[in-house]
Amino acid sequence: MKSFLASLMMLAAASLAGCATTPAATKNNVEELSLALQSMGPEVDPAEARRAAEIAYSYSAQLAEQYNVTTSPILHNTLVNTGVKERGVCVHYAEDMQARLNQENFRTLSMLRAIAEPKSDFRIDHSTAVISAKGDDIYEGVVLDPWRYGGKLYWSATTEDPRYDWEPRMEVLRRKYARRMAKEAAAGS
C-alpha cells in the first residue's frame, strides 16, 4: 500500500511540476542581500557579506538540485515523509545552509537557526538558517530560507518576515519538550 501511495504521489507530482528548475540568482539579488548583511552593523566586513550572499544564493540552488526538487515544497515534503525522497524538508535546508556557511569561518558573521511554530492546526513548524553580525541574535539577523520556494532563496530581516514569526531554535525545542513532558505526566496520572 505504501509503495502504491508513493507511486501515485510521484505521478501526481510529476504531472503538476513537469521539469522544474531553480532560476539562477542575478548579480542584483546577490548585491541586495550583501547590502542587507552589511547593514546589520559597521563591524560586518563587506567582503564577508558579499561572500555569504553569493554562497546563500548558489548553495540554495545546489541544494534543490541535490535534493532533486521537482515539485512545490509541500509536495516535496510529502515525498520525503513517505520515503520516496531522502532529503529536502525545511530542516534539511536549514542544517545544510548553516553547515555550508560555517565552513567559511567568518570573523564578523554568525550562523544561527530559527523555528516558527504554526499559527494554525493546518500548518507545521518551519525551520530556517539565520545569519547575523557576530554576537547578535536571530532578531537582528537575516533569514535565509531556500525551502520556501523550492531552492530559490527567500531572505528578509528576521522580524520583517510576513509569513513566519521566528524564534531561536533552542527556545522552541525547550518549550516543545516541556509541553511533551507535561502531557506525558498528565497521561500518567
C-alpha atoms as a PDB file:
ATOM      1  CA  MET A   1       0.000   0.000   0.000  1.00  0.00           C
ATOM      2  CA  LYS A   2       2.820   2.387   0.910  1.00  0.00           C
ATOM      3  CA  SER A   3       4.531   1.823  -2.463  1.00  0.00           C
ATOM      4  CA  PHE A   4       1.226   2.312  -4.284  1.00  0.00           C
ATOM      5  CA  LEU A   5       0.645   5.588  -2.436  1.00  0.00           C
ATOM      6  CA  ALA A   6       4.217   6.687  -3.137  1.00  0.00           C
ATOM      7  CA  SER A   7       3.838   5.830  -6.840  1.00  0.00           C
ATOM      8  CA  LEU A   8       0.561   7.720  -7.011  1.00  0.00           C
ATOM      9  CA  MET A   9       2.142  10.737  -5.340  1.00  0.00           C
ATOM     10  CA  MET A  10       5.116  10.628  -7.718  1.00  0.00           C
ATOM     11  CA  LEU A  11       2.773  10.576 -10.698  1.00  0.00           C
ATOM     12  CA  ALA A  12       0.773  13.494  -9.311  1.00  0.00           C
ATOM     13  CA  ALA A  13       3.919  15.445  -8.517  1.00  0.00           C
ATOM     14  CA  ALA A  14       5.377  14.837 -11.961  1.00  0.00           C
ATOM     15  CA  SER A  15       2.187  15.933 -13.687  1.00  0.00           C
ATOM     16  CA  LEU A  16       1.966  19.094 -11.591  1.00  0.00           C
ATOM     17  CA  ALA A  17       5.588  20.124 -11.885  1.00  0.00           C
ATOM     18  CA  GLY A  18       6.980  18.889 -15.155  1.00  0.00           C
ATOM     19  CA  CYS A  19      10.677  19.540 -15.032  1.00  0.00           C
ATOM     20  CA  ALA A  20      11.052  22.354 -12.551  1.00  0.00           C
ATOM     21  CA  THR A  21      14.332  24.192 -12.384  1.00  0.00           C
ATOM     22  CA  THR A  22      15.521  26.734  -9.912  1.00  0.00           C
ATOM     23  CA  PRO A  23      16.120  30.100 -11.570  1.00  0.00           C
ATOM     24  CA  ALA A  24      19.644  31.420 -11.229  1.00  0.00           C
ATOM     25  CA  ALA A  25      20.249  34.378  -8.960  1.00  0.00           C
ATOM     26  CA  THR A  26      21.111  37.638 -10.613  1.00  0.00           C
ATOM     27  CA  LYS A  27      24.000  39.891  -9.695  1.00  0.00           C
ATOM     28  CA  ASN A  28      21.363  42.283  -8.316  1.00  0.00           C
ATOM     29  CA  ASN A  29      19.947  39.585  -5.996  1.00  0.00           C
ATOM     30  CA  VAL A  30      23.377  38.906  -4.540  1.00  0.00           C
ATOM     31  CA  GLU A  31      24.136  42.620  -4.203  1.00  0.00           C
ATOM     32  CA  GLU A  32      20.853  43.318  -2.362  1.00  0.00           C
ATOM     33  CA  LEU A  33      21.485  40.528   0.141  1.00  0.00           C
ATOM     34  CA  SER A  34      25.093  41.623   0.571  1.00  0.00           C
ATOM     35  CA  LEU A  35      23.967  45.163   1.375  1.00  0.00           C
ATOM     36  CA  ALA A  36      21.358  43.864   3.836  1.00  0.00           C
ATOM     37  CA  LEU A  37      24.049  41.850   5.609  1.00  0.00           C
ATOM     38  CA  GLN A  38      26.395  44.846   5.699  1.00  0.00           C
ATOM     39  CA  SER A  39      23.610  46.977   7.171  1.00  0.00           C
ATOM     40  CA  MET A  40      23.462  44.726  10.248  1.00  0.00           C
ATOM     41  CA  GLY A  41      26.291  46.794  11.695  1.00  0.00           C
ATOM     42  CA  PRO A  42      29.528  48.632  10.985  1.00  0.00           C
ATOM     43  CA  GLU A  43      31.536  45.661  12.246  1.00  0.00           C
ATOM     44  CA  VAL A  44      30.319  43.441   9.366  1.00  0.00           C
ATOM     45  CA  ASP A  45      33.109  43.002   6.823  1.00  0.00           C
ATOM     46  CA  PRO A  46      31.758  43.912   3.339  1.00  0.00           C
ATOM     47  CA  ALA A  47      33.835  41.140   1.742  1.00  0.00           C
ATOM     48  CA  GLU A  48      32.345  38.579   4.152  1.00  0.00           C
ATOM     49  CA  ALA A  49      28.836  39.897   3.499  1.00  0.00           C
ATOM     50  CA  ARG A  50      29.404  39.580  -0.246  1.00  0.00           C
ATOM     51  CA  ARG A  51      30.786  36.051   0.075  1.00  0.00           C
ATOM     52  CA  ALA A  52      27.920  34.980   2.344  1.00  0.00           C
ATOM     53  CA  ALA A  53      25.358  36.383  -0.127  1.00  0.00           C
ATOM     54  CA  GLU A  54      26.994  34.593  -3.059  1.00  0.00           C
ATOM     55  CA  ILE A  55      27.065  31.298  -1.179  1.00  0.00           C
ATOM     56  CA  ALA A  56      23.490  31.661   0.108  1.00  0.00           C
ATOM     57  CA  TYR A  57      22.156  32.060  -3.423  1.00  0.00           C
ATOM     58  CA  SER A  58      24.330  29.469  -5.151  1.00  0.00           C
ATOM     59  CA  TYR A  59      24.001  26.894  -2.377  1.00  0.00           C
ATOM     60  CA  SER A  60      20.201  27.246  -2.281  1.00  0.00           C
ATOM     61  CA  ALA A  61      20.047  26.232  -5.942  1.00  0.00           C
ATOM     62  CA  GLN A  62      22.629  23.494  -5.386  1.00  0.00           C
ATOM     63  CA  LEU A  63      20.589  22.029  -2.521  1.00  0.00           C
ATOM     64  CA  ALA A  64      17.408  21.960  -4.615  1.00  0.00           C
ATOM     65  CA  GLU A  65      19.313  20.084  -7.302  1.00  0.00           C
ATOM     66  CA  GLN A  66      20.921  17.755  -4.754  1.00  0.00           C
ATOM     67  CA  TYR A  67      17.505  17.052  -3.164  1.00  0.00           C
ATOM     68  CA  ASN A  68      16.030  16.554  -6.650  1.00  0.00           C
ATOM     69  CA  VAL A  69      13.273  19.095  -6.035  1.00  0.00           C
ATOM     70  CA  THR A  70      10.800  18.950  -8.924  1.00  0.00           C
ATOM     71  CA  THR A  71       7.610  19.981  -7.136  1.00  0.00           C
ATOM     72  CA  SER A  72       6.364  22.564  -4.710  1.00  0.00           C
ATOM     73  CA  PRO A  73       7.991  22.476  -1.255  1.00  0.00           C
ATOM     74  CA  ILE A  74       4.869  20.970   0.350  1.00  0.00           C
ATOM     75  CA  LEU A  75       4.658  18.163  -2.218  1.00  0.00           C
ATOM     76  CA  HIS A  76       8.394  17.568  -1.861  1.00  0.00           C
ATOM     77  CA  ASN A  77       7.930  17.295   1.934  1.00  0.00           C
ATOM     78  CA  THR A  78       5.318  14.614   1.311  1.00  0.00           C
ATOM     79  CA  LEU A  79       7.735  12.713  -0.907  1.00  0.00           C
ATOM     80  CA  VAL A  80      10.410  12.882   1.797  1.00  0.00           C
ATOM     81  CA  ASN A  81       7.977  11.940   4.575  1.00  0.00           C
ATOM     82  CA  THR A  82       6.729   8.900   2.623  1.00  0.00           C
ATOM     83  CA  GLY A  83      10.278   7.744   1.897  1.00  0.00           C
ATOM     84  CA  VAL A  84      10.234   8.429  -1.848  1.00  0.00           C
ATOM     85  CA  LYS A  85      12.973  11.044  -1.484  1.00  0.00           C
ATOM     86  CA  GLU A  86      15.650  11.235   1.178  1.00  0.00           C
ATOM     87  CA  ARG A  87      16.066  14.952   1.870  1.00  0.00           C
ATOM     88  CA  GLY A  88      14.576  18.356   1.169  1.00  0.00           C
ATOM     89  CA  VAL A  89      12.296  19.344   4.047  1.00  0.00           C
ATOM     90  CA  CYS A  90      12.946  22.729   5.617  1.00  0.00           C
ATOM     91  CA  VAL A  91      15.106  21.414   8.449  1.00  0.00           C
ATOM     92  CA  HIS A  92      17.436  19.808   5.887  1.00  0.00           C
ATOM     93  CA  TYR A  93      17.824  23.100   4.044  1.00  0.00           C
ATOM     94  CA  ALA A  94      18.454  24.911   7.356  1.00  0.00           C
ATOM     95  CA  GLU A  95      21.032  22.368   8.568  1.00  0.00           C
ATOM     96  CA  ASP A  96      22.859  22.261   5.256  1.00  0.00           C
ATOM     97  CA  MET A  97      22.850  26.042   4.742  1.00  0.00           C
ATOM     98  CA  GLN A  98      24.169  26.623   8.258  1.00  0.00           C
ATOM     99  CA  ALA A  99      26.882  23.974   7.821  1.00  0.00           C
ATOM    100  CA  ARG A 100      27.971  25.367   4.440  1.00  0.00           C
ATOM    101  CA  LEU A 101      28.211  28.957   5.643  1.00  0.00           C
ATOM    102  CA  ASN A 102      30.014  27.855   8.817  1.00  0.00           C
ATOM    103  CA  GLN A 103      32.730  26.361   6.593  1.00  0.00           C
ATOM    104  CA  GLU A 104      33.735  29.915   5.697  1.00  0.00           C
ATOM    105  CA  ASN A 105      34.811  30.694   9.284  1.00  0.00           C
ATOM    106  CA  PHE A 106      33.519  34.242   9.024  1.00  0.00           C
ATOM    107  CA  ARG A 107      35.029  36.626  11.564  1.00  0.00           C
ATOM    108  CA  THR A 108      32.161  39.153  11.534  1.00  0.00           C
ATOM    109  CA  LEU A 109      29.131  36.956  10.789  1.00  0.00           C
ATOM    110  CA  SER A 110      27.433  34.132  12.705  1.00  0.00           C
ATOM    111  CA  MET A 111      25.094  31.397  11.560  1.00  0.00           C
ATOM    112  CA  LEU A 112      22.084  30.698  13.759  1.00  0.00           C
ATOM    113  CA  ARG A 113      18.910  28.666  13.498  1.00  0.00           C
ATOM    114  CA  ALA A 114      15.283  29.618  13.981  1.00  0.00           C
ATOM    115  CA  ILE A 115      11.939  27.870  14.094  1.00  0.00           C
ATOM    116  CA  ALA A 116       8.474  29.275  13.512  1.00  0.00           C
ATOM    117  CA  GLU A 117       5.727  27.331  15.207  1.00  0.00           C
ATOM    118  CA  PRO A 118       2.459  27.083  13.283  1.00  0.00           C
ATOM    119  CA  LYS A 119      -0.215  29.716  13.687  1.00  0.00           C
ATOM    120  CA  SER A 120      -2.958  27.166  12.996  1.00  0.00           C
ATOM    121  CA  ASP A 121      -3.546  23.417  13.248  1.00  0.00           C
ATOM    122  CA  PHE A 122      -3.233  23.126   9.472  1.00  0.00           C
ATOM    123  CA  ARG A 123       0.406  24.214   9.359  1.00  0.00           C
ATOM    124  CA  ILE A 124       3.621  22.676  10.608  1.00  0.00           C
ATOM    125  CA  ASP A 125       6.804  24.010  12.185  1.00  0.00           C
ATOM    126  CA  HIS A 126       9.192  25.685   9.799  1.00  0.00           C
ATOM    127  CA  SER A 127      12.966  25.782  10.280  1.00  0.00           C
ATOM    128  CA  THR A 128      15.470  28.143   8.735  1.00  0.00           C
ATOM    129  CA  ALA A 129      19.017  29.403   8.912  1.00  0.00           C
ATOM    130  CA  VAL A 130      19.641  32.955  10.090  1.00  0.00           C
ATOM    131  CA  ILE A 131      22.791  34.968   9.532  1.00  0.00           C
ATOM    132  CA  SER A 132      23.644  37.768  11.935  1.00  0.00           C
ATOM    133  CA  ALA A 133      26.514  40.025  12.874  1.00  0.00           C
ATOM    134  CA  LYS A 134      28.876  38.250  15.268  1.00  0.00           C
ATOM    135  CA  GLY A 135      27.372  38.330  18.759  1.00  0.00           C
ATOM    136  CA  ASP A 136      23.843  39.286  17.668  1.00  0.00           C
ATOM    137  CA  ASP A 137      20.807  37.022  17.994  1.00  0.00           C
ATOM    138  CA  ILE A 138      18.267  35.978  15.369  1.00  0.00           C
ATOM    139  CA  TYR A 139      16.185  39.107  15.843  1.00  0.00           C
ATOM    140  CA  GLU A 140      18.979  41.309  14.466  1.00  0.00           C
ATOM    141  CA  GLY A 141      19.714  38.842  11.686  1.00  0.00           C
ATOM    142  CA  VAL A 142      18.542  37.904   8.217  1.00  0.00           C
ATOM    143  CA  VAL A 143      16.505  34.780   7.473  1.00  0.00           C
ATOM    144  CA  LEU A 144      17.976  32.609   4.706  1.00  0.00           C
ATOM    145  CA  ASP A 145      15.115  30.341   3.605  1.00  0.00           C
ATOM    146  CA  PRO A 146      15.760  28.268   0.465  1.00  0.00           C
ATOM    147  CA  TRP A 147      12.927  25.814   1.261  1.00  0.00           C
ATOM    148  CA  ARG A 148      10.071  28.315   0.896  1.00  0.00           C
ATOM    149  CA  TYR A 149      10.320  28.487  -2.899  1.00  0.00           C
ATOM    150  CA  GLY A 150      11.888  25.099  -3.595  1.00  0.00           C
ATOM    151  CA  GLY A 151      15.517  26.173  -3.825  1.00  0.00           C
ATOM    152  CA  LYS A 152      15.049  29.796  -4.807  1.00  0.00           C
ATOM    153  CA  LEU A 153      16.397  31.758  -1.858  1.00  0.00           C
ATOM    154  CA  TYR A 154      13.988  33.865   0.155  1.00  0.00           C
ATOM    155  CA  TRP A 155      15.552  36.287   2.617  1.00  0.00           C
ATOM    156  CA  SER A 156      14.390  39.094   4.859  1.00  0.00           C
ATOM    157  CA  ALA A 157      15.181  40.658   8.182  1.00  0.00           C
ATOM    158  CA  THR A 158      14.016  38.099  10.735  1.00  0.00           C
ATOM    159  CA  THR A 159      11.475  40.442  12.299  1.00  0.00           C
ATOM    160  CA  GLU A 160      10.099  41.550   8.920  1.00  0.00           C
ATOM    161  CA  ASP A 161       9.183  38.137   7.517  1.00  0.00           C
ATOM    162  CA  PRO A 162       5.477  38.458   6.664  1.00  0.00           C
ATOM    163  CA  ARG A 163       4.805  34.720   6.773  1.00  0.00           C
ATOM    164  CA  TYR A 164       6.584  33.461   9.891  1.00  0.00           C
ATOM    165  CA  ASP A 165       7.194  34.556  13.480  1.00  0.00           C
ATOM    166  CA  TRP A 166      10.724  33.273  14.059  1.00  0.00           C
ATOM    167  CA  GLU A 167      12.147  32.297  17.432  1.00  0.00           C
ATOM    168  CA  PRO A 168      15.562  30.928  18.398  1.00  0.00           C
ATOM    169  CA  ARG A 169      15.628  27.200  17.676  1.00  0.00           C
ATOM    170  CA  MET A 170      16.640  26.127  21.185  1.00  0.00           C
ATOM    171  CA  GLU A 171      13.851  28.161  22.824  1.00  0.00           C
ATOM    172  CA  VAL A 172      11.245  26.441  20.669  1.00  0.00           C
ATOM    173  CA  LEU A 173      12.738  22.990  21.260  1.00  0.00           C
ATOM    174  CA  ARG A 174      12.827  23.547  25.043  1.00  0.00           C
ATOM    175  CA  ARG A 175       9.197  24.690  25.028  1.00  0.00           C
ATOM    176  CA  LYS A 176       8.122  21.673  22.947  1.00  0.00           C
ATOM    177  CA  TYR A 177       9.977  19.346  25.304  1.00  0.00           C
ATOM    178  CA  ALA A 178       8.302  20.921  28.341  1.00  0.00           C
ATOM    179  CA  ARG A 179       4.870  20.548  26.705  1.00  0.00           C
ATOM    180  CA  ARG A 180       5.583  16.915  25.869  1.00  0.00           C
ATOM    181  CA  MET A 181       6.740  16.167  29.418  1.00  0.00           C
ATOM    182  CA  ALA A 182       3.655  17.859  30.873  1.00  0.00           C
ATOM    183  CA  LYS A 183       1.409  15.881  28.534  1.00  0.00           C
ATOM    184  CA  GLU A 184       3.124  12.613  29.450  1.00  0.00           C
ATOM    185  CA  ALA A 185       2.915  13.450  33.170  1.00  0.00           C
ATOM    186  CA  ALA A 186      -0.803  14.223  32.824  1.00  0.00           C
ATOM    187  CA  ALA A 187      -1.391  10.965  30.926  1.00  0.00           C
ATOM    188  CA  GLY A 188       0.468   9.008  33.638  1.00  0.00           C
ATOM    189  CA  SER A 189      -1.599  10.498  36.480  1.00  0.00           C
END
